[in-house]
Amino acid sequence: MWNYKMEDAANWILATASTTGLVGWFLGRRRNNAETKGVEIDNEEKEIVVELNNMERLTNRLNEVIIALDNQMAENIKLKQELHALRLAFENERMLYQELLKKYESKI
């Protein structure tokens, strides 16, 4: 009979330990999953911050390039206007030269 009580107590201890272990594993698993999700969310937030910083840096660089392009275009227009003025001046000088050449040839 004593043997029966020991066996019964051992079964209770084993059942309690198994149940406790199973509940502990289940709750621990849930906690680990929650912590993992928390870490994943933190990592995603950090990635978003990094990407936003990259986008801001690229936007600033794009704005700088646009300003430089606008400056180059303004300079290009200015140079085209100067070239046009020089062509007109050259054409006027060429016409004056031809008139003077005709006058000179008519005197000879």
N, C-alpha and C. Protein backbone atom coordinates (compact mmCIF):
# COMPACT_ATOMS: atom_id res chain seq x y z
N MET A 1 0.80 -1.17 0.00
CA MET A 1 0.00 0.00 0.00
C MET A 1 0.86 1.26 0.00
N TRP A 2 1.96 1.12 0.73
CA TRP A 2 2.87 2.25 0.75
C TRP A 2 3.40 2.50 -0.65
N ASN A 3 3.64 1.46 -1.36
CA ASN A 3 4.13 1.52 -2.72
C ASN A 3 3.12 2.23 -3.61
N TYR A 4 1.84 1.99 -3.37
CA TYR A 4 0.78 2.59 -4.16
C TYR A 4 0.75 4.09 -3.94
N LYS A 5 0.91 4.55 -2.67
CA LYS A 5 0.91 5.97 -2.36
C LYS A 5 2.12 6.65 -3.00
N MET A 6 3.25 5.99 -3.00
CA MET A 6 4.45 6.56 -3.63
C MET A 6 4.25 6.69 -5.14
N GLU A 7 3.64 5.66 -5.70
CA GLU A 7 3.40 5.68 -7.14
C GLU A 7 2.41 6.78 -7.49
N ASP A 8 1.37 6.92 -6.66
CA ASP A 8 0.36 7.94 -6.88
C ASP A 8 0.98 9.33 -6.74
N ALA A 9 1.82 9.51 -5.73
CA ALA A 9 2.48 10.80 -5.52
C ALA A 9 3.44 11.09 -6.67
N ALA A 10 4.14 10.07 -7.13
CA ALA A 10 5.06 10.26 -8.26
C ALA A 10 4.28 10.65 -9.51
N ASN A 11 3.12 10.02 -9.71
CA ASN A 11 2.29 10.37 -10.87
C ASN A 11 1.79 11.80 -10.77
N TRP A 12 1.37 12.21 -9.54
CA TRP A 12 0.93 13.58 -9.35
C TRP A 12 2.06 14.57 -9.59
N ILE A 13 3.21 14.24 -9.09
CA ILE A 13 4.38 15.13 -9.29
C ILE A 13 4.72 15.22 -10.78
N LEU A 14 4.72 14.07 -11.43
CA LEU A 14 5.01 14.04 -12.86
C LEU A 14 3.96 14.80 -13.65
N ALA A 15 2.69 14.61 -13.32
CA ALA A 15 1.61 15.31 -14.01
C ALA A 15 1.69 16.81 -13.76
N THR A 16 1.96 17.20 -12.51
CA THR A 16 2.08 18.61 -12.17
C THR A 16 3.28 19.24 -12.89
N ALA A 17 4.39 18.54 -12.89
CA ALA A 17 5.59 19.05 -13.56
C ALA A 17 5.36 19.16 -15.06
N SER A 18 4.70 18.16 -15.62
CA SER A 18 4.42 18.20 -17.06
C SER A 18 3.49 19.34 -17.39
N THR A 19 2.44 19.50 -16.60
CA THR A 19 1.48 20.59 -16.84
C THR A 19 2.16 21.94 -16.66
N THR A 20 2.92 22.07 -15.61
CA THR A 20 3.64 23.32 -15.37
C THR A 20 4.62 23.60 -16.51
N GLY A 21 5.31 22.58 -16.94
CA GLY A 21 6.26 22.75 -18.05
C GLY A 21 5.54 23.15 -19.33
N LEU A 22 4.42 22.52 -19.60
CA LEU A 22 3.65 22.83 -20.80
C LEU A 22 3.11 24.26 -20.75
N VAL A 23 2.53 24.63 -19.61
CA VAL A 23 2.02 26.00 -19.45
C VAL A 23 3.18 27.00 -19.53
N GLY A 24 4.27 26.68 -18.88
CA GLY A 24 5.45 27.56 -18.94
C GLY A 24 5.98 27.70 -20.35
N TRP A 25 6.03 26.60 -21.07
CA TRP A 25 6.51 26.65 -22.46
C TRP A 25 5.57 27.50 -23.30
N PHE A 26 4.26 27.30 -23.13
CA PHE A 26 3.28 28.04 -23.93
C PHE A 26 3.37 29.54 -23.62
N LEU A 27 3.39 29.89 -22.34
CA LEU A 27 3.48 31.31 -21.96
C LEU A 27 4.83 31.90 -22.36
N GLY A 28 5.89 31.12 -22.20
CA GLY A 28 7.21 31.59 -22.62
C GLY A 28 7.28 31.80 -24.12
N ARG A 29 6.63 30.90 -24.85
CA ARG A 29 6.59 31.03 -26.31
C ARG A 29 5.85 32.29 -26.71
N ARG A 30 4.74 32.55 -26.05
CA ARG A 30 3.98 33.77 -26.34
C ARG A 30 4.81 35.01 -26.02
N ARG A 31 5.53 34.95 -24.88
CA ARG A 31 6.37 36.09 -24.50
C ARG A 31 7.50 36.29 -25.52
N ASN A 32 8.13 35.18 -25.92
CA ASN A 32 9.19 35.26 -26.92
C ASN A 32 8.67 35.81 -28.24
N ASN A 33 7.49 35.33 -28.65
CA ASN A 33 6.89 35.84 -29.89
C ASN A 33 6.60 37.33 -29.79
N ALA A 34 6.09 37.76 -28.63
CA ALA A 34 5.80 39.18 -28.42
C ALA A 34 7.08 40.00 -28.45
N GLU A 35 8.13 39.49 -27.79
CA GLU A 35 9.42 40.20 -27.81
C GLU A 35 9.98 40.26 -29.21
N THR A 36 9.86 39.15 -29.94
CA THR A 36 10.35 39.12 -31.32
C THR A 36 9.61 40.14 -32.17
N LYS A 37 8.28 40.20 -32.01
CA LYS A 37 7.49 41.19 -32.74
C LYS A 37 7.93 42.60 -32.38
N GLY A 38 8.19 42.82 -31.08
CA GLY A 38 8.65 44.13 -30.63
C GLY A 38 9.97 44.51 -31.27
N VAL A 39 10.88 43.56 -31.33
CA VAL A 39 12.19 43.81 -31.95
C VAL A 39 12.01 44.08 -33.45
N GLU A 40 11.14 43.30 -34.09
CA GLU A 40 10.89 43.50 -35.52
C GLU A 40 10.30 44.88 -35.77
N ILE A 41 9.37 45.30 -34.92
CA ILE A 41 8.78 46.64 -35.07
C ILE A 41 9.84 47.71 -34.87
N ASP A 42 10.70 47.55 -33.86
CA ASP A 42 11.78 48.51 -33.63
C ASP A 42 12.71 48.59 -34.84
N ASN A 43 13.05 47.43 -35.40
CA ASN A 43 13.92 47.41 -36.57
C ASN A 43 13.26 48.09 -37.76
N GLU A 44 11.96 47.84 -37.95
CA GLU A 44 11.25 48.48 -39.05
C GLU A 44 11.18 49.98 -38.86
N GLU A 45 10.98 50.42 -37.61
CA GLU A 45 10.97 51.86 -37.33
C GLU A 45 12.33 52.48 -37.65
N LYS A 46 13.39 51.78 -37.27
CA LYS A 46 14.73 52.27 -37.56
C LYS A 46 14.97 52.33 -39.07
N GLU A 47 14.50 51.32 -39.79
CA GLU A 47 14.63 51.31 -41.25
C GLU A 47 13.89 52.49 -41.86
N ILE A 48 12.70 52.76 -41.34
CA ILE A 48 11.91 53.89 -41.85
C ILE A 48 12.64 55.20 -41.62
N VAL A 49 13.22 55.36 -40.44
CA VAL A 49 13.98 56.59 -40.13
C VAL A 49 15.16 56.72 -41.09
N VAL A 50 15.88 55.62 -41.31
CA VAL A 50 17.03 55.65 -42.22
C VAL A 50 16.56 56.02 -43.64
N GLU A 51 15.48 55.40 -44.10
CA GLU A 51 14.98 55.69 -45.44
C GLU A 51 14.49 57.13 -45.56
N LEU A 52 13.84 57.64 -44.52
CA LEU A 52 13.40 59.03 -44.54
C LEU A 52 14.60 59.98 -44.60
N ASN A 53 15.66 59.66 -43.85
CA ASN A 53 16.87 60.47 -43.90
C ASN A 53 17.49 60.43 -45.29
N ASN A 54 17.52 59.23 -45.90
CA ASN A 54 18.05 59.11 -47.25
C ASN A 54 17.21 59.91 -48.24
N MET A 55 15.89 59.84 -48.10
CA MET A 55 15.03 60.59 -49.00
C MET A 55 15.23 62.09 -48.83
N GLU A 56 15.38 62.53 -47.58
CA GLU A 56 15.61 63.95 -47.34
C GLU A 56 16.94 64.40 -47.93
N ARG A 57 17.98 63.56 -47.75
CA ARG A 57 19.29 63.90 -48.30
C ARG A 57 19.24 63.94 -49.83
N LEU A 58 18.55 62.98 -50.44
CA LEU A 58 18.45 62.95 -51.89
C LEU A 58 17.60 64.10 -52.42
N THR A 59 16.56 64.46 -51.67
CA THR A 59 15.73 65.60 -52.06
C THR A 59 16.55 66.89 -52.03
N ASN A 60 17.34 67.05 -50.98
CA ASN A 60 18.20 68.23 -50.89
C ASN A 60 19.20 68.27 -52.04
N ARG A 61 19.78 67.13 -52.35
CA ARG A 61 20.75 67.06 -53.45
C ARG A 61 20.06 67.37 -54.77
N LEU A 62 18.85 66.84 -54.96
CA LEU A 62 18.09 67.10 -56.18
C LEU A 62 17.80 68.59 -56.30
N ASN A 63 17.43 69.22 -55.21
CA ASN A 63 17.17 70.67 -55.24
C ASN A 63 18.44 71.44 -55.60
N GLU A 64 19.58 71.01 -55.07
CA GLU A 64 20.85 71.66 -55.43
C GLU A 64 21.13 71.51 -56.92
N VAL A 65 20.90 70.32 -57.46
CA VAL A 65 21.14 70.08 -58.88
C VAL A 65 20.19 70.91 -59.73
N ILE A 66 18.94 71.03 -59.31
CA ILE A 66 17.98 71.84 -60.05
C ILE A 66 18.41 73.30 -60.07
N ILE A 67 18.87 73.80 -58.93
CA ILE A 67 19.35 75.19 -58.87
C ILE A 67 20.56 75.38 -59.78
N ALA A 68 21.49 74.41 -59.74
CA ALA A 68 22.66 74.50 -60.61
C ALA A 68 22.25 74.46 -62.08
N LEU A 69 21.28 73.63 -62.41
CA LEU A 69 20.80 73.55 -63.79
C LEU A 69 20.14 74.85 -64.21
N ASP A 70 19.34 75.43 -63.31
CA ASP A 70 18.73 76.73 -63.61
C ASP A 70 19.79 77.79 -63.87
N ASN A 71 20.85 77.78 -63.05
CA ASN A 71 21.94 78.74 -63.24
C ASN A 71 22.63 78.52 -64.58
N GLN A 72 22.86 77.25 -64.94
CA GLN A 72 23.50 76.95 -66.22
C GLN A 72 22.62 77.38 -67.39
N MET A 73 21.32 77.16 -67.25
CA MET A 73 20.40 77.57 -68.31
C MET A 73 20.38 79.08 -68.46
N ALA A 74 20.40 79.82 -67.36
CA ALA A 74 20.43 81.28 -67.41
C ALA A 74 21.72 81.75 -68.07
N GLU A 75 22.84 81.11 -67.72
CA GLU A 75 24.11 81.47 -68.34
C GLU A 75 24.10 81.14 -69.83
N ASN A 76 23.50 80.02 -70.20
CA ASN A 76 23.39 79.62 -71.60
C ASN A 76 22.59 80.66 -72.39
N ILE A 77 21.48 81.13 -71.83
CA ILE A 77 20.67 82.15 -72.50
C ILE A 77 21.48 83.43 -72.66
N LYS A 78 22.20 83.80 -71.61
CA LYS A 78 23.02 85.02 -71.67
C LYS A 78 24.08 84.90 -72.77
N LEU A 79 24.73 83.74 -72.84
CA LEU A 79 25.77 83.54 -73.87
C LEU A 79 25.17 83.53 -75.27
N LYS A 80 23.98 82.96 -75.42
CA LYS A 80 23.31 82.99 -76.73
C LYS A 80 22.99 84.43 -77.14
N GLN A 81 22.56 85.24 -76.18
CA GLN A 81 22.28 86.65 -76.48
C GLN A 81 23.56 87.39 -76.87
N GLU A 82 24.64 87.11 -76.16
CA GLU A 82 25.93 87.74 -76.50
C GLU A 82 26.38 87.29 -77.89
N LEU A 83 26.23 86.00 -78.20
CA LEU A 83 26.62 85.49 -79.51
C LEU A 83 25.80 86.15 -80.60
N HIS A 84 24.51 86.31 -80.37
CA HIS A 84 23.65 86.97 -81.36
C HIS A 84 24.10 88.41 -81.58
N ALA A 85 24.39 89.12 -80.48
CA ALA A 85 24.86 90.50 -80.59
C ALA A 85 26.19 90.57 -81.35
N LEU A 86 27.09 89.62 -81.09
CA LEU A 86 28.37 89.60 -81.81
C LEU A 86 28.17 89.29 -83.29
N ARG A 87 27.24 88.41 -83.61
CA ARG A 87 26.95 88.11 -85.03
C ARG A 87 26.41 89.35 -85.74
N LEU A 88 25.51 90.07 -85.06
CA LEU A 88 24.98 91.31 -85.65
C LEU A 88 26.10 92.33 -85.85
N ALA A 89 26.96 92.47 -84.84
CA ALA A 89 28.07 93.42 -84.96
C ALA A 89 29.01 93.00 -86.07
N PHE A 90 29.28 91.69 -86.17
CA PHE A 90 30.15 91.20 -87.24
C PHE A 90 29.52 91.46 -88.60
N GLU A 91 28.23 91.22 -88.73
CA GLU A 91 27.55 91.45 -90.02
C GLU A 91 27.59 92.93 -90.37
N ASN A 92 27.40 93.82 -89.39
CA ASN A 92 27.50 95.27 -89.64
C ASN A 92 28.91 95.64 -90.08
N GLU A 93 29.92 95.09 -89.42
CA GLU A 93 31.31 95.38 -89.79
C GLU A 93 31.61 94.85 -91.19
N ARG A 94 31.09 93.67 -91.52
CA ARG A 94 31.33 93.10 -92.84
C ARG A 94 30.69 93.97 -93.92
N MET A 95 29.48 94.44 -93.66
CA MET A 95 28.81 95.31 -94.63
C MET A 95 29.57 96.63 -94.78
N LEU A 96 30.03 97.19 -93.70
CA LEU A 96 30.81 98.43 -93.74
C LEU A 96 32.11 98.21 -94.51
N TYR A 97 32.75 97.07 -94.28
CA TYR A 97 33.98 96.74 -95.01
C TYR A 97 33.71 96.64 -96.50
N GLN A 98 32.62 96.01 -96.88
CA GLN A 98 32.29 95.86 -98.31
C GLN A 98 31.99 97.23 -98.94
N GLU A 99 31.32 98.11 -98.20
CA GLU A 99 31.05 99.46 -98.72
C GLU A 99 32.35 100.23 -98.91
N LEU A 100 33.22 100.13 -97.91
CA LEU A 100 34.51 100.82 -98.03
C LEU A 100 35.34 100.25 -99.18
N LEU A 101 35.28 98.92 -99.34
CA LEU A 101 36.01 98.28 -100.42
C LEU A 101 35.48 98.74 -101.79
N LYS A 102 34.18 98.88 -101.91
CA LYS A 102 33.58 99.37 -103.18
C LYS A 102 34.01 100.81 -103.45
N LYS A 103 33.98 101.64 -102.42
CA LYS A 103 34.42 103.03 -102.59
C LYS A 103 35.88 103.08 -103.01
N TYR A 104 36.69 102.25 -102.39
CA TYR A 104 38.12 102.24 -102.70
C TYR A 104 38.34 101.76 -104.13
N GLU A 105 37.62 100.69 -104.53
CA GLU A 105 37.77 100.16 -105.89
C GLU A 105 37.24 101.14 -106.95
N SER A 106 36.22 101.91 -106.59
CA SER A 106 35.69 102.86 -107.57
C SER A 106 36.66 104.03 -107.76
N LYS A 107 37.49 104.32 -106.79
CA LYS A 107 38.46 105.40 -106.92
C LYS A 107 39.67 104.97 -107.73
N ILE A 108 39.92 103.72 -107.79
CA ILE A 108 41.10 103.25 -108.50
C ILE A 108 40.85 103.16 -109.94
